[in-house]
Amino acid sequence: MKRIWVNNLFIYLGFLVIVTLVFIYGLKYQHHLQVEARTTYQSIPIIVFSVLFPISLGLLLGLLRFFELLRKTGEWTINWIKLCVFGLPSLYVSLLPLLFWSGLSISYYDLPLGYLLVTSGTIAHTISGLIFGFLLFYVLEKKIKER
């Protein structure tokens, strides 16, 4: 029992180090992209990164759940209710900056909550991206097949 506890402790500490390193280097790369955007006036790379980085960080945070599911036996299923109720709105909020800067003739006044989300800064997009990435592993389930 104590050996399992120690193994789990080292697994979680190692995972914490990996998440911390990804977070630190992601922020450094984001700063690099911001400096580059100021010098070249090309804002698309920083916007794409600011949308994809929270989603990928959320995926990384949900990875432990995926490894737990791999150990279980059963048939893979998707919790569609959880994906629709939490996933679609968080995906919409996190992708809104891409819609705004995509060059399409869409006004943010035309989109639901568009003006509020565009003028609120990056906090809503970042949190929604984390939620969406984390949720992608939490909608997966394994159910034992009944005969």
Protein backbone atom coordinates (compact mmCIF):
# COMPACT_ATOMS: atom_id res chain seq x y z
CA MET A 1 0.00 0.00 0.00
CA LYS A 2 2.78 2.43 0.90
CA ARG A 3 4.66 1.61 -2.31
CA ILE A 4 1.62 2.50 -4.45
CA TRP A 5 1.27 5.78 -2.57
CA VAL A 6 4.94 6.63 -3.20
CA ASN A 7 4.66 5.68 -6.89
CA ASN A 8 1.57 7.90 -7.27
CA LEU A 9 3.38 10.73 -5.50
CA PHE A 10 6.27 10.59 -7.98
CA ILE A 11 3.89 10.32 -10.94
CA TYR A 12 1.94 13.39 -9.81
CA LEU A 13 5.09 15.37 -9.03
CA GLY A 14 6.53 14.50 -12.44
CA PHE A 15 3.30 15.50 -14.10
CA LEU A 16 3.34 18.78 -12.15
CA VAL A 17 6.87 19.50 -13.39
CA ILE A 18 5.83 18.81 -16.99
CA VAL A 19 2.74 21.03 -16.75
CA THR A 20 4.78 23.80 -15.13
CA LEU A 21 7.45 23.64 -17.84
CA VAL A 22 4.86 23.70 -20.63
CA PHE A 23 3.18 26.66 -18.96
CA ILE A 24 6.43 28.62 -18.51
CA TYR A 25 7.74 27.96 -22.02
CA GLY A 26 4.29 28.69 -23.47
CA LEU A 27 4.25 32.08 -21.77
CA LYS A 28 7.78 32.79 -23.03
CA TYR A 29 6.76 31.89 -26.56
CA GLN A 30 3.65 34.04 -26.26
CA HIS A 31 5.82 36.97 -25.19
CA HIS A 32 8.08 36.32 -28.18
CA LEU A 33 5.05 36.36 -30.49
CA GLN A 34 3.82 39.62 -28.93
CA VAL A 35 7.19 41.29 -29.55
CA GLU A 36 7.21 39.98 -33.10
CA ALA A 37 3.64 41.21 -33.67
CA ARG A 38 4.64 44.70 -32.52
CA THR A 39 7.55 44.82 -34.95
CA THR A 40 5.93 43.18 -37.99
CA TYR A 41 2.31 44.30 -37.45
CA GLN A 42 1.18 40.70 -38.02
CA SER A 43 -1.24 39.86 -35.22
CA ILE A 44 -2.62 36.57 -36.54
CA PRO A 45 0.15 34.32 -35.07
CA ILE A 46 -0.31 35.68 -31.54
CA ILE A 47 -4.10 35.38 -31.81
CA VAL A 48 -3.91 31.77 -33.03
CA PHE A 49 -1.46 30.94 -30.23
CA SER A 50 -3.60 32.66 -27.61
CA VAL A 51 -6.53 30.49 -28.68
CA LEU A 52 -4.66 27.18 -29.05
CA PHE A 53 -2.36 27.41 -26.00
CA PRO A 54 -5.13 27.33 -23.34
CA ILE A 55 -6.86 24.47 -25.19
CA SER A 56 -3.63 22.46 -25.34
CA LEU A 57 -2.89 23.24 -21.68
CA GLY A 58 -6.38 22.02 -20.79
CA LEU A 59 -5.72 18.84 -22.80
CA LEU A 60 -2.51 18.34 -20.86
CA LEU A 61 -4.33 18.78 -17.55
CA GLY A 62 -6.93 16.20 -18.59
CA LEU A 63 -4.31 13.68 -19.67
CA LEU A 64 -4.21 11.92 -16.28
CA ARG A 65 -7.90 11.07 -16.65
CA PHE A 66 -7.20 9.59 -20.08
CA PHE A 67 -4.45 7.37 -18.67
CA GLU A 68 -6.85 6.16 -15.97
CA LEU A 69 -9.39 5.29 -18.66
CA LEU A 70 -6.80 3.33 -20.63
CA ARG A 71 -6.32 0.99 -17.66
CA LYS A 72 -10.04 0.20 -17.47
CA THR A 73 -11.78 -2.38 -19.58
CA GLY A 74 -14.95 -1.69 -21.47
CA GLU A 75 -16.31 0.05 -24.49
CA TRP A 76 -15.47 3.68 -25.26
CA THR A 77 -18.39 6.08 -25.13
CA ILE A 78 -18.79 9.83 -25.28
CA ASN A 79 -20.97 11.76 -22.86
CA TRP A 80 -22.72 13.89 -25.46
CA ILE A 81 -24.75 15.86 -22.94
CA LYS A 82 -21.62 17.05 -21.13
CA LEU A 83 -19.94 17.82 -24.44
CA CYS A 84 -22.89 19.86 -25.72
CA VAL A 85 -23.71 21.69 -22.48
CA PHE A 86 -20.14 22.59 -21.49
CA GLY A 87 -18.03 21.96 -24.58
CA LEU A 88 -19.83 23.91 -27.28
CA PRO A 89 -20.19 27.18 -25.34
CA SER A 90 -16.58 27.02 -24.15
CA LEU A 91 -15.40 26.29 -27.70
CA TYR A 92 -17.43 29.24 -28.99
CA VAL A 93 -15.99 31.64 -26.41
CA SER A 94 -12.43 30.42 -26.96
CA LEU A 95 -12.66 30.64 -30.77
CA LEU A 96 -14.31 34.06 -30.86
CA PRO A 97 -11.01 35.96 -31.29
CA LEU A 98 -10.28 33.90 -34.40
CA LEU A 99 -13.70 34.78 -35.80
CA PHE A 100 -13.15 38.43 -35.01
CA TRP A 101 -9.68 38.60 -36.61
CA SER A 102 -10.32 36.14 -39.45
CA GLY A 103 -11.18 38.81 -41.99
CA LEU A 104 -14.70 37.52 -42.49
CA SER A 105 -17.37 40.15 -42.85
CA ILE A 106 -18.86 39.21 -39.48
CA SER A 107 -19.42 41.95 -36.99
CA TYR A 108 -19.07 41.05 -33.35
CA TYR A 109 -22.42 42.75 -32.85
CA ASP A 110 -23.95 39.96 -34.97
CA LEU A 111 -22.60 37.18 -32.77
CA PRO A 112 -24.27 36.17 -29.50
CA LEU A 113 -22.38 37.89 -26.65
CA GLY A 114 -19.86 39.03 -29.25
CA TYR A 115 -19.40 42.60 -28.09
CA LEU A 116 -19.12 41.58 -24.45
CA LEU A 117 -16.56 38.86 -25.16
CA VAL A 118 -14.42 40.92 -27.53
CA THR A 119 -14.22 43.90 -25.19
CA SER A 120 -13.70 41.86 -21.99
CA GLY A 121 -10.06 41.04 -22.71
CA THR A 122 -8.43 37.63 -22.76
CA ILE A 123 -9.59 36.17 -19.45
CA ALA A 124 -12.84 34.72 -20.82
CA HIS A 125 -11.06 33.18 -23.83
CA THR A 126 -8.29 31.69 -21.72
CA ILE A 127 -10.61 30.12 -19.15
CA SER A 128 -12.91 28.79 -21.86
CA GLY A 129 -9.98 27.27 -23.72
CA LEU A 130 -8.79 25.54 -20.55
CA ILE A 131 -12.28 24.22 -19.89
CA PHE A 132 -12.70 22.96 -23.45
CA GLY A 133 -9.32 21.22 -23.55
CA PHE A 134 -9.83 19.65 -20.14
CA LEU A 135 -13.34 18.56 -21.08
CA LEU A 136 -12.21 16.70 -24.18
CA PHE A 137 -10.80 13.94 -21.99
CA TYR A 138 -13.59 14.10 -19.45
CA VAL A 139 -16.36 13.39 -21.95
CA LEU A 140 -14.72 10.07 -22.78
CA GLU A 141 -15.94 7.15 -20.71
CA LYS A 142 -15.54 3.40 -20.67
CA LYS A 143 -18.63 1.35 -19.94
CA ILE A 144 -18.73 -2.35 -19.35
CA LYS A 145 -20.67 -4.00 -22.14
CA GLU A 146 -23.72 -5.84 -20.86
CA ARG A 147 -24.72 -9.12 -22.49
